[in-house]
Amino acid sequence: MKALIDLCIVPLGVGVSVSEYVAACEKVLQDAGLSFQLHANGTDIEGEWDEVFAAVKRCHEVVHAMGAPRIVASMRINTRIDKEQTLNDKIRSVQAKLGQNETEYLP
């Protein structure tokens, strides 16, 4: 089953800036061969259920190995069985309703 998730991992006990840890998770997703898009408050990830959740587990392992004693993560999970849908499909659908093309963004 294909899954689209919005993942936010917040390492605790490592100071205020967490970009180093976010970058490490992005590398995990890249190495896993998953399609993903970083945004200001997390990362959207798409792929087969088991591959996506294996990568989420690996993100936790990597961030702990970097010295984070605690991690708080939140996820929103989207699955469909009526049709295939990608992250970009969902964005294009909304943009079409706004009369935008895929390279235009609202301010």
PDB file of N, CA and C in Angstrom:
ATOM      1  N   MET A   1       0.847  -1.172   0.000  1.00  0.00           N
ATOM      2  CA  MET A   1       0.000   0.000   0.000  1.00  0.00           C
ATOM      3  C   MET A   1       0.894   1.237   0.000  1.00  0.00           C
ATOM      4  N   LYS A   2       0.556   2.200  -0.834  1.00  0.00           N
ATOM      5  CA  LYS A   2       1.307   3.448  -0.895  1.00  0.00           C
ATOM      6  C   LYS A   2       0.842   4.378   0.225  1.00  0.00           C
ATOM      7  N   ALA A   3       1.790   5.098   0.813  1.00  0.00           N
ATOM      8  CA  ALA A   3       1.481   6.038   1.887  1.00  0.00           C
ATOM      9  C   ALA A   3       2.089   7.396   1.571  1.00  0.00           C
ATOM     10  N   LEU A   4       1.348   8.434   1.885  1.00  0.00           N
ATOM     11  CA  LEU A   4       1.840   9.806   1.863  1.00  0.00           C
ATOM     12  C   LEU A   4       1.811  10.258   3.313  1.00  0.00           C
ATOM     13  N   ILE A   5       2.938  10.715   3.835  1.00  0.00           N
ATOM     14  CA  ILE A   5       2.939  11.177   5.223  1.00  0.00           C
ATOM     15  C   ILE A   5       3.573  12.552   5.328  1.00  0.00           C
ATOM     16  N   ASP A   6       3.134  13.267   6.323  1.00  0.00           N
ATOM     17  CA  ASP A   6       3.735  14.531   6.716  1.00  0.00           C
ATOM     18  C   ASP A   6       4.422  14.240   8.043  1.00  0.00           C
ATOM     19  N   LEU A   7       5.741  14.334   8.061  1.00  0.00           N
ATOM     20  CA  LEU A   7       6.535  13.967   9.230  1.00  0.00           C
ATOM     21  C   LEU A   7       7.212  15.196   9.823  1.00  0.00           C
ATOM     22  N   CYS A   8       7.114  15.313  11.133  1.00  0.00           N
ATOM     23  CA  CYS A   8       7.840  16.350  11.861  1.00  0.00           C
ATOM     24  C   CYS A   8       8.552  15.668  13.023  1.00  0.00           C
ATOM     25  N   ILE A   9       9.876  15.695  12.988  1.00  0.00           N
ATOM     26  CA  ILE A   9      10.684  15.124  14.061  1.00  0.00           C
ATOM     27  C   ILE A   9      11.367  16.263  14.806  1.00  0.00           C
ATOM     28  N   VAL A  10      11.168  16.296  16.124  1.00  0.00           N
ATOM     29  CA  VAL A  10      11.741  17.352  16.950  1.00  0.00           C
ATOM     30  C   VAL A  10      12.639  16.719  18.004  1.00  0.00           C
ATOM     31  N   PRO A  11      13.960  16.851  17.840  1.00  0.00           N
ATOM     32  CA  PRO A  11      14.863  16.325  18.866  1.00  0.00           C
ATOM     33  C   PRO A  11      14.863  17.253  20.078  1.00  0.00           C
ATOM     34  N   LEU A  12      14.794  16.673  21.254  1.00  0.00           N
ATOM     35  CA  LEU A  12      14.808  17.456  22.494  1.00  0.00           C
ATOM     36  C   LEU A  12      16.152  17.274  23.186  1.00  0.00           C
ATOM     37  N   GLY A  13      16.567  18.304  23.902  1.00  0.00           N
ATOM     38  CA  GLY A  13      17.812  18.233  24.647  1.00  0.00           C
ATOM     39  C   GLY A  13      19.045  18.516  23.809  1.00  0.00           C
ATOM     40  N   VAL A  14      18.842  19.185  22.641  1.00  0.00           N
ATOM     41  CA  VAL A  14      19.976  19.444  21.751  1.00  0.00           C
ATOM     42  C   VAL A  14      20.161  20.935  21.460  1.00  0.00           C
ATOM     43  N   GLY A  15      19.433  21.787  22.142  1.00  0.00           N
ATOM     44  CA  GLY A  15      19.525  23.211  21.884  1.00  0.00           C
ATOM     45  C   GLY A  15      18.372  23.693  21.017  1.00  0.00           C
ATOM     46  N   VAL A  16      18.456  24.942  20.598  1.00  0.00           N
ATOM     47  CA  VAL A  16      17.355  25.578  19.874  1.00  0.00           C
ATOM     48  C   VAL A  16      17.341  25.217  18.393  1.00  0.00           C
ATOM     49  N   SER A  17      18.489  25.221  17.739  1.00  0.00           N
ATOM     50  CA  SER A  17      18.546  24.932  16.307  1.00  0.00           C
ATOM     51  C   SER A  17      18.530  23.426  16.076  1.00  0.00           C
ATOM     52  N   VAL A  18      17.661  22.990  15.158  1.00  0.00           N
ATOM     53  CA  VAL A  18      17.565  21.560  14.871  1.00  0.00           C
ATOM     54  C   VAL A  18      17.842  21.242  13.404  1.00  0.00           C
ATOM     55  N   SER A  19      18.320  22.214  12.635  1.00  0.00           N
ATOM     56  CA  SER A  19      18.515  22.000  11.197  1.00  0.00           C
ATOM     57  C   SER A  19      19.504  20.874  10.897  1.00  0.00           C
ATOM     58  N   GLU A  20      20.499  20.678  11.731  1.00  0.00           N
ATOM     59  CA  GLU A  20      21.463  19.593  11.541  1.00  0.00           C
ATOM     60  C   GLU A  20      20.762  18.230  11.596  1.00  0.00           C
ATOM     61  N   TYR A  21      19.795  18.107  12.482  1.00  0.00           N
ATOM     62  CA  TYR A  21      19.059  16.855  12.652  1.00  0.00           C
ATOM     63  C   TYR A  21      18.061  16.656  11.508  1.00  0.00           C
ATOM     64  N   VAL A  22      17.437  17.735  11.083  1.00  0.00           N
ATOM     65  CA  VAL A  22      16.530  17.667   9.933  1.00  0.00           C
ATOM     66  C   VAL A  22      17.309  17.228   8.695  1.00  0.00           C
ATOM     67  N   ALA A  23      18.492  17.804   8.492  1.00  0.00           N
ATOM     68  CA  ALA A  23      19.321  17.436   7.345  1.00  0.00           C
ATOM     69  C   ALA A  23      19.696  15.952   7.397  1.00  0.00           C
ATOM     70  N   ALA A  24      19.972  15.439   8.580  1.00  0.00           N
ATOM     71  CA  ALA A  24      20.313  14.024   8.716  1.00  0.00           C
ATOM     72  C   ALA A  24      19.126  13.142   8.326  1.00  0.00           C
ATOM     73  N   CYS A  25      17.924  13.545   8.702  1.00  0.00           N
ATOM     74  CA  CYS A  25      16.724  12.785   8.315  1.00  0.00           C
ATOM     75  C   CYS A  25      16.486  12.876   6.815  1.00  0.00           C
ATOM     76  N   GLU A  26      16.712  14.037   6.234  1.00  0.00           N
ATOM     77  CA  GLU A  26      16.549  14.182   4.786  1.00  0.00           C
ATOM     78  C   GLU A  26      17.510  13.238   4.055  1.00  0.00           C
ATOM     79  N   LYS A  27      18.715  13.073   4.589  1.00  0.00           N
ATOM     80  CA  LYS A  27      19.693  12.151   3.997  1.00  0.00           C
ATOM     81  C   LYS A  27      19.198  10.709   4.098  1.00  0.00           C
ATOM     82  N   VAL A  28      18.583  10.361   5.219  1.00  0.00           N
ATOM     83  CA  VAL A  28      18.001   9.021   5.381  1.00  0.00           C
ATOM     84  C   VAL A  28      16.952   8.773   4.300  1.00  0.00           C
ATOM     85  N   LEU A  29      16.080   9.753   4.075  1.00  0.00           N
ATOM     86  CA  LEU A  29      15.023   9.608   3.071  1.00  0.00           C
ATOM     87  C   LEU A  29      15.615   9.487   1.672  1.00  0.00           C
ATOM     88  N   GLN A  30      16.640  10.283   1.412  1.00  0.00           N
ATOM     89  CA  GLN A  30      17.320  10.226   0.114  1.00  0.00           C
ATOM     90  C   GLN A  30      17.946   8.848  -0.090  1.00  0.00           C
ATOM     91  N   ASP A  31      18.650   8.360   0.917  1.00  0.00           N
ATOM     92  CA  ASP A  31      19.297   7.051   0.828  1.00  0.00           C
ATOM     93  C   ASP A  31      18.279   5.923   0.654  1.00  0.00           C
ATOM     94  N   ALA A  32      17.071   6.116   1.188  1.00  0.00           N
ATOM     95  CA  ALA A  32      16.014   5.104   1.075  1.00  0.00           C
ATOM     96  C   ALA A  32      15.353   5.130  -0.300  1.00  0.00           C
ATOM     97  N   GLY A  33      15.678   6.156  -1.107  1.00  0.00           N
ATOM     98  CA  GLY A  33      15.108   6.259  -2.444  1.00  0.00           C
ATOM     99  C   GLY A  33      13.665   6.710  -2.461  1.00  0.00           C
ATOM    100  N   LEU A  34      13.232   7.363  -1.382  1.00  0.00           N
ATOM    101  CA  LEU A  34      11.859   7.832  -1.300  1.00  0.00           C
ATOM    102  C   LEU A  34      11.707   9.211  -1.924  1.00  0.00           C
ATOM    103  N   SER A  35      10.514   9.512  -2.367  1.00  0.00           N
ATOM    104  CA  SER A  35      10.190  10.847  -2.849  1.00  0.00           C
ATOM    105  C   SER A  35       9.772  11.674  -1.638  1.00  0.00           C
ATOM    106  N   PHE A  36      10.353  12.867  -1.494  1.00  0.00           N
ATOM    107  CA  PHE A  36      10.024  13.686  -0.332  1.00  0.00           C
ATOM    108  C   PHE A  36      10.191  15.159  -0.669  1.00  0.00           C
ATOM    109  N   GLN A  37       9.493  15.992   0.113  1.00  0.00           N
ATOM    110  CA  GLN A  37       9.574  17.443  -0.051  1.00  0.00           C
ATOM    111  C   GLN A  37       9.662  18.091   1.329  1.00  0.00           C
ATOM    112  N   LEU A  38      10.767  18.751   1.579  1.00  0.00           N
ATOM    113  CA  LEU A  38      10.944  19.501   2.817  1.00  0.00           C
ATOM    114  C   LEU A  38      10.064  20.740   2.779  1.00  0.00           C
ATOM    115  N   HIS A  39       9.432  21.060   3.897  1.00  0.00           N
ATOM    116  CA  HIS A  39       8.719  22.328   4.030  1.00  0.00           C
ATOM    117  C   HIS A  39       9.081  22.927   5.384  1.00  0.00           C
ATOM    118  N   ALA A  40       8.570  24.092   5.678  1.00  0.00           N
ATOM    119  CA  ALA A  40       9.017  24.839   6.851  1.00  0.00           C
ATOM    120  C   ALA A  40       8.809  24.113   8.177  1.00  0.00           C
ATOM    121  N   ASN A  41       7.807  23.253   8.265  1.00  0.00           N
ATOM    122  CA  ASN A  41       7.498  22.603   9.539  1.00  0.00           C
ATOM    123  C   ASN A  41       7.545  21.084   9.488  1.00  0.00           C
ATOM    124  N   GLY A  42       8.240  20.548   8.508  1.00  0.00           N
ATOM    125  CA  GLY A  42       8.335  19.103   8.411  1.00  0.00           C
ATOM    126  C   GLY A  42       8.706  18.666   7.008  1.00  0.00           C
ATOM    127  N   THR A  43       8.413  17.408   6.712  1.00  0.00           N
ATOM    128  CA  THR A  43       8.733  16.826   5.411  1.00  0.00           C
ATOM    129  C   THR A  43       7.587  15.944   4.968  1.00  0.00           C
ATOM    130  N   ASP A  44       7.155  16.124   3.729  1.00  0.00           N
ATOM    131  CA  ASP A  44       6.180  15.230   3.115  1.00  0.00           C
ATOM    132  C   ASP A  44       6.954  14.095   2.463  1.00  0.00           C
ATOM    133  N   ILE A  45       6.488  12.872   2.674  1.00  0.00           N
ATOM    134  CA  ILE A  45       7.176  11.683   2.162  1.00  0.00           C
ATOM    135  C   ILE A  45       6.152  10.791   1.474  1.00  0.00           C
ATOM    136  N   GLU A  46       6.541  10.206   0.333  1.00  0.00           N
ATOM    137  CA  GLU A  46       5.659   9.241  -0.319  1.00  0.00           C
ATOM    138  C   GLU A  46       6.432   7.986  -0.676  1.00  0.00           C
ATOM    139  N   GLY A  47       5.734   6.869  -0.608  1.00  0.00           N
ATOM    140  CA  GLY A  47       6.337   5.593  -0.959  1.00  0.00           C
ATOM    141  C   GLY A  47       5.492   4.454  -0.449  1.00  0.00           C
ATOM    142  N   GLU A  48       6.006   3.250  -0.604  1.00  0.00           N
ATOM    143  CA  GLU A  48       5.311   2.085  -0.074  1.00  0.00           C
ATOM    144  C   GLU A  48       5.351   2.118   1.455  1.00  0.00           C
ATOM    145  N   TRP A  49       4.251   1.717   2.069  1.00  0.00           N
ATOM    146  CA  TRP A  49       4.063   1.798   3.520  1.00  0.00           C
ATOM    147  C   TRP A  49       5.294   1.305   4.279  1.00  0.00           C
ATOM    148  N   ASP A  50       5.735   0.096   4.033  1.00  0.00           N
ATOM    149  CA  ASP A  50       6.844  -0.481   4.794  1.00  0.00           C
ATOM    150  C   ASP A  50       8.143   0.298   4.598  1.00  0.00           C
ATOM    151  N   GLU A  51       8.384   0.791   3.396  1.00  0.00           N
ATOM    152  CA  GLU A  51       9.598   1.561   3.123  1.00  0.00           C
ATOM    153  C   GLU A  51       9.557   2.913   3.832  1.00  0.00           C
ATOM    154  N   VAL A  52       8.405   3.559   3.813  1.00  0.00           N
ATOM    155  CA  VAL A  52       8.256   4.863   4.476  1.00  0.00           C
ATOM    156  C   VAL A  52       8.467   4.713   5.981  1.00  0.00           C
ATOM    157  N   PHE A  53       7.826   3.718   6.581  1.00  0.00           N
ATOM    158  CA  PHE A  53       7.932   3.580   8.031  1.00  0.00           C
ATOM    159  C   PHE A  53       9.287   3.048   8.468  1.00  0.00           C
ATOM    160  N   ALA A  54       9.960   2.293   7.617  1.00  0.00           N
ATOM    161  CA  ALA A  54      11.339   1.896   7.911  1.00  0.00           C
ATOM    162  C   ALA A  54      12.237   3.128   7.924  1.00  0.00           C
ATOM    163  N   ALA A  55      11.998   4.064   7.008  1.00  0.00           N
ATOM    164  CA  ALA A  55      12.797   5.290   6.958  1.00  0.00           C
ATOM    165  C   ALA A  55      12.511   6.177   8.173  1.00  0.00           C
ATOM    166  N   VAL A  56      11.260   6.245   8.613  1.00  0.00           N
ATOM    167  CA  VAL A  56      10.923   7.024   9.818  1.00  0.00           C
ATOM    168  C   VAL A  56      11.669   6.433  11.019  1.00  0.00           C
ATOM    169  N   LYS A  57      11.666   5.112  11.131  1.00  0.00           N
ATOM    170  CA  LYS A  57      12.406   4.466  12.218  1.00  0.00           C
ATOM    171  C   LYS A  57      13.885   4.796  12.120  1.00  0.00           C
ATOM    172  N   ARG A  58      14.431   4.744  10.909  1.00  0.00           N
ATOM    173  CA  ARG A  58      15.856   5.042  10.708  1.00  0.00           C
ATOM    174  C   ARG A  58      16.158   6.498  11.084  1.00  0.00           C
ATOM    175  N   CYS A  59      15.255   7.417  10.764  1.00  0.00           N
ATOM    176  CA  CYS A  59      15.441   8.824  11.174  1.00  0.00           C
ATOM    177  C   CYS A  59      15.590   8.917  12.683  1.00  0.00           C
ATOM    178  N   HIS A  60      14.745   8.212  13.410  1.00  0.00           N
ATOM    179  CA  HIS A  60      14.840   8.224  14.876  1.00  0.00           C
ATOM    180  C   HIS A  60      16.186   7.663  15.322  1.00  0.00           C
ATOM    181  N   GLU A  61      16.610   6.564  14.730  1.00  0.00           N
ATOM    182  CA  GLU A  61      17.889   5.957  15.109  1.00  0.00           C
ATOM    183  C   GLU A  61      19.048   6.918  14.863  1.00  0.00           C
ATOM    184  N   VAL A  62      19.039   7.579  13.709  1.00  0.00           N
ATOM    185  CA  VAL A  62      20.123   8.492  13.343  1.00  0.00           C
ATOM    186  C   VAL A  62      20.153   9.706  14.276  1.00  0.00           C
ATOM    187  N   VAL A  63      18.998  10.278  14.547  1.00  0.00           N
ATOM    188  CA  VAL A  63      18.944  11.467  15.412  1.00  0.00           C
ATOM    189  C   VAL A  63      19.368  11.113  16.836  1.00  0.00           C
ATOM    190  N   HIS A  64      18.953   9.966  17.331  1.00  0.00           N
ATOM    191  CA  HIS A  64      19.433   9.534  18.657  1.00  0.00           C
ATOM    192  C   HIS A  64      20.946   9.336  18.633  1.00  0.00           C
ATOM    193  N   ALA A  65      21.456   8.741  17.566  1.00  0.00           N
ATOM    194  CA  ALA A  65      22.904   8.511  17.464  1.00  0.00           C
ATOM    195  C   ALA A  65      23.684   9.820  17.406  1.00  0.00           C
ATOM    196  N   MET A  66      23.024  10.886  16.977  1.00  0.00           N
ATOM    197  CA  MET A  66      23.670  12.208  16.925  1.00  0.00           C
ATOM    198  C   MET A  66      23.680  12.882  18.299  1.00  0.00           C
ATOM    199  N   GLY A  67      23.074  12.243  19.289  1.00  0.00           N
ATOM    200  CA  GLY A  67      23.125  12.774  20.646  1.00  0.00           C
ATOM    201  C   GLY A  67      21.808  13.276  21.207  1.00  0.00           C
ATOM    202  N   ALA A  68      20.735  13.196  20.447  1.00  0.00           N
ATOM    203  CA  ALA A  68      19.440  13.632  20.974  1.00  0.00           C
ATOM    204  C   ALA A  68      18.909  12.577  21.941  1.00  0.00           C
ATOM    205  N   PRO A  69      18.751  12.931  23.216  1.00  0.00           N
ATOM    206  CA  PRO A  69      18.281  11.941  24.178  1.00  0.00           C
ATOM    207  C   PRO A  69      16.787  11.621  24.039  1.00  0.00           C
ATOM    208  N   ARG A  70      16.066  12.541  23.407  1.00  0.00           N
ATOM    209  CA  ARG A  70      14.612  12.359  23.276  1.00  0.00           C
ATOM    210  C   ARG A  70      14.156  12.961  21.955  1.00  0.00           C
ATOM    211  N   ILE A  71      13.153  12.337  21.349  1.00  0.00           N
ATOM    212  CA  ILE A  71      12.569  12.841  20.101  1.00  0.00           C
ATOM    213  C   ILE A  71      11.061  12.826  20.247  1.00  0.00           C
ATOM    214  N   VAL A  72      10.442  13.916  19.835  1.00  0.00           N
ATOM    215  CA  VAL A  72       8.989  13.963  19.716  1.00  0.00           C
ATOM    216  C   VAL A  72       8.690  14.063  18.225  1.00  0.00           C
ATOM    217  N   ALA A  73       7.876  13.146  17.726  1.00  0.00           N
ATOM    218  CA  ALA A  73       7.545  13.150  16.299  1.00  0.00           C
ATOM    219  C   ALA A  73       6.040  13.164  16.133  1.00  0.00           C
ATOM    220  N   SER A  74       5.610  13.827  15.069  1.00  0.00           N
ATOM    221  CA  SER A  74       4.191  13.780  14.710  1.00  0.00           C
ATOM    222  C   SER A  74       4.108  13.443  13.227  1.00  0.00           C
ATOM    223  N   MET A  75       3.048  12.696  12.890  1.00  0.00           N
ATOM    224  CA  MET A  75       2.835  12.296  11.500  1.00  0.00           C
ATOM    225  C   MET A  75       1.356  12.395  11.176  1.00  0.00           C
ATOM    226  N   ARG A  76       1.107  12.795   9.948  1.00  0.00           N
ATOM    227  CA  ARG A  76      -0.227  12.642   9.364  1.00  0.00           C
ATOM    228  C   ARG A  76      -0.041  11.658   8.223  1.00  0.00           C
ATOM    229  N   ILE A  77      -0.899  10.659   8.162  1.00  0.00           N
ATOM    230  CA  ILE A  77      -0.749   9.578   7.185  1.00  0.00           C
ATOM    231  C   ILE A  77      -1.954   9.583   6.251  1.00  0.00           C
ATOM    232  N   ASN A  78      -1.663   9.513   4.955  1.00  0.00           N
ATOM    233  CA  ASN A  78      -2.703   9.527   3.934  1.00  0.00           C
ATOM    234  C   ASN A  78      -2.520   8.291   3.064  1.00  0.00           C
ATOM    235  N   THR A  79      -3.561   7.468   2.966  1.00  0.00           N
ATOM    236  CA  THR A  79      -3.535   6.331   2.057  1.00  0.00           C
ATOM    237  C   THR A  79      -4.800   6.359   1.208  1.00  0.00           C
ATOM    238  N   ARG A  80      -4.684   5.839  -0.001  1.00  0.00           N
ATOM    239  CA  ARG A  80      -5.828   5.726  -0.909  1.00  0.00           C
ATOM    240  C   ARG A  80      -5.758   4.376  -1.587  1.00  0.00           C
ATOM    241  N   ILE A  81      -6.928   3.790  -1.814  1.00  0.00           N
ATOM    242  CA  ILE A  81      -6.954   2.544  -2.577  1.00  0.00           C
ATOM    243  C   ILE A  81      -7.766   2.685  -3.853  1.00  0.00           C
ATOM    244  N   ASP A  82      -8.424   3.846  -4.034  1.00  0.00           N
ATOM    245  CA  ASP A  82      -9.249   4.033  -5.233  1.00  0.00           C
ATOM    246  C   ASP A  82      -8.440   4.497  -6.431  1.00  0.00           C
ATOM    247  N   LYS A  83      -7.269   5.125  -6.189  1.00  0.00           N
ATOM    248  CA  LYS A  83      -6.408   5.554  -7.289  1.00  0.00           C
ATOM    249  C   LYS A  83      -5.020   5.865  -6.756  1.00  0.00           C
ATOM    250  N   GLU A  84      -4.048   5.860  -7.659  1.00  0.00           N
ATOM    251  CA  GLU A  84      -2.687   6.284  -7.313  1.00  0.00           C
ATOM    252  C   GLU A  84      -2.672   7.801  -7.223  1.00  0.00           C
ATOM    253  N   GLN A  85      -2.018   8.337  -6.207  1.00  0.00           N
ATOM    254  CA  GLN A  85      -1.917   9.784  -6.068  1.00  0.00           C
ATOM    255  C   GLN A  85      -0.579  10.122  -5.430  1.00  0.00           C
ATOM    256  N   THR A  86       0.129  11.077  -6.028  1.00  0.00           N
ATOM    257  CA  THR A  86       1.421  11.503  -5.499  1.00  0.00           C
ATOM    258  C   THR A  86       1.258  12.814  -4.740  1.00  0.00           C
ATOM    259  N   LEU A  87       2.319  13.209  -4.059  1.00  0.00           N
ATOM    260  CA  LEU A  87       2.325  14.511  -3.387  1.00  0.00           C
ATOM    261  C   LEU A  87       2.075  15.620  -4.402  1.00  0.00           C
ATOM    262  N   ASN A  88       2.755  15.549  -5.551  1.00  0.00           N
ATOM    263  CA  ASN A  88       2.591  16.582  -6.571  1.00  0.00           C
ATOM    264  C   ASN A  88       1.184  16.594  -7.148  1.00  0.00           C
ATOM    265  N   ASP A  89       0.547  15.432  -7.269  1.00  0.00           N
ATOM    266  CA  ASP A  89      -0.839  15.399  -7.740  1.00  0.00           C
ATOM    267  C   ASP A  89      -1.741  16.208  -6.819  1.00  0.00           C
ATOM    268  N   LYS A  90      -1.547  16.050  -5.529  1.00  0.00           N
ATOM    269  CA  LYS A  90      -2.379  16.766  -4.559  1.00  0.00           C
ATOM    270  C   LYS A  90      -2.160  18.280  -4.663  1.00  0.00           C
ATOM    271  N   ILE A  91      -0.918  18.697  -4.822  1.00  0.00           N
ATOM    272  CA  ILE A  91      -0.606  20.125  -4.940  1.00  0.00           C
ATOM    273  C   ILE A  91      -1.179  20.683  -6.230  1.00  0.00           C
ATOM    274  N   ARG A  92      -0.975  19.973  -7.336  1.00  0.00           N
ATOM    275  CA  ARG A  92      -1.502  20.439  -8.630  1.00  0.00           C
ATOM    276  C   ARG A  92      -3.018  20.566  -8.623  1.00  0.00           C
ATOM    277  N   SER A  93      -3.698  19.682  -7.932  1.00  0.00           N
ATOM    278  CA  SER A  93      -5.160  19.737  -7.865  1.00  0.00           C
ATOM    279  C   SER A  93      -5.627  21.039  -7.222  1.00  0.00           C
ATOM    280  N   VAL A  94      -4.994  21.424  -6.132  1.00  0.00           N
ATOM    281  CA  VAL A  94      -5.360  22.686  -5.469  1.00  0.00           C
ATOM    282  C   VAL A  94      -4.964  23.879  -6.328  1.00  0.00           C
ATOM    283  N   GLN A  95      -3.763  23.837  -6.901  1.00  0.00           N
ATOM    284  CA  GLN A  95      -3.317  24.946  -7.741  1.00  0.00           C
ATOM    285  C   GLN A  95      -4.236  25.131  -8.937  1.00  0.00           C
ATOM    286  N   ALA A  96      -4.733  24.055  -9.518  1.00  0.00           N
ATOM    287  CA  ALA A  96      -5.645  24.162 -10.655  1.00  0.00           C
ATOM    288  C   ALA A  96      -6.927  24.877 -10.239  1.00  0.00           C
ATOM    289  N   LYS A  97      -7.394  24.599  -9.047  1.00  0.00           N
ATOM    290  CA  LYS A  97      -8.606  25.243  -8.555  1.00  0.00           C
ATOM    291  C   LYS A  97      -8.371  26.729  -8.248  1.00  0.00           C
ATOM    292  N   LEU A  98      -7.120  27.078  -7.997  1.00  0.00           N
ATOM    293  CA  LEU A  98      -6.758  28.482  -7.761  1.00  0.00           C
ATOM    294  C   LEU A  98      -6.392  29.199  -9.064  1.00  0.00           C
ATOM    295  N   GLY A  99      -6.368  28.454 -10.158  1.00  0.00           N
ATOM    296  CA  GLY A  99      -5.991  29.041 -11.446  1.00  0.00           C
ATOM    297  C   GLY A  99      -4.503  29.257 -11.587  1.00  0.00           C
ATOM    298  N   GLN A 100      -3.715  28.487 -10.844  1.00  0.00           N
ATOM    299  CA  GLN A 100      -2.260  28.610 -10.907  1.00  0.00           C
ATOM    300  C   GLN A 100      -1.673  27.448 -11.688  1.00  0.00           C
ATOM    301  N   ASN A 101      -0.447  27.642 -12.183  1.00  0.00           N
ATOM    302  CA  ASN A 101       0.273  26.491 -12.717  1.00  0.00           C
ATOM    303  C   ASN A 101       1.246  26.027 -11.646  1.00  0.00           C
ATOM    304  N   GLU A 102       1.943  24.936 -11.895  1.00  0.00           N
ATOM    305  CA  GLU A 102       2.765  24.348 -10.844  1.00  0.00           C
ATOM    306  C   GLU A 102       3.969  25.177 -10.420  1.00  0.00           C
ATOM    307  N   THR A 103       4.319  26.216 -11.157  1.00  0.00           N
ATOM    308  CA  THR A 103       5.457  27.040 -10.759  1.00  0.00           C
ATOM    309  C   THR A 103       5.048  28.311 -10.041  1.00  0.00           C
ATOM    310  N   GLU A 104       3.747  28.552  -9.906  1.00  0.00           N
ATOM    311  CA  GLU A 104       3.268  29.744  -9.216  1.00  0.00           C
ATOM    312  C   GLU A 104       2.929  29.407  -7.761  1.00  0.00           C
ATOM    313  N   TYR A 105       3.213  30.328  -6.871  1.00  0.00           N
ATOM    314  CA  TYR A 105       2.879  30.141  -5.466  1.00  0.00           C
ATOM    315  C   TYR A 105       2.248  31.423  -4.941  1.00  0.00           C
ATOM    316  N   LEU A 106       1.341  31.271  -4.015  1.00  0.00           N
ATOM    317  CA  LEU A 106       0.735  32.437  -3.382  1.00  0.00           C
ATOM    318  C   LEU A 106       1.739  33.064  -2.431  1.00  0.00           C
ATOM    319  N   PRO A 107       1.701  34.377  -2.269  1.00  0.00           N
ATOM    320  CA  PRO A 107       2.638  35.030  -1.340  1.00  0.00           C
ATOM    321  C   PRO A 107       2.357  34.647   0.106  1.00  0.00           C
TER     322      PRO A 107
END
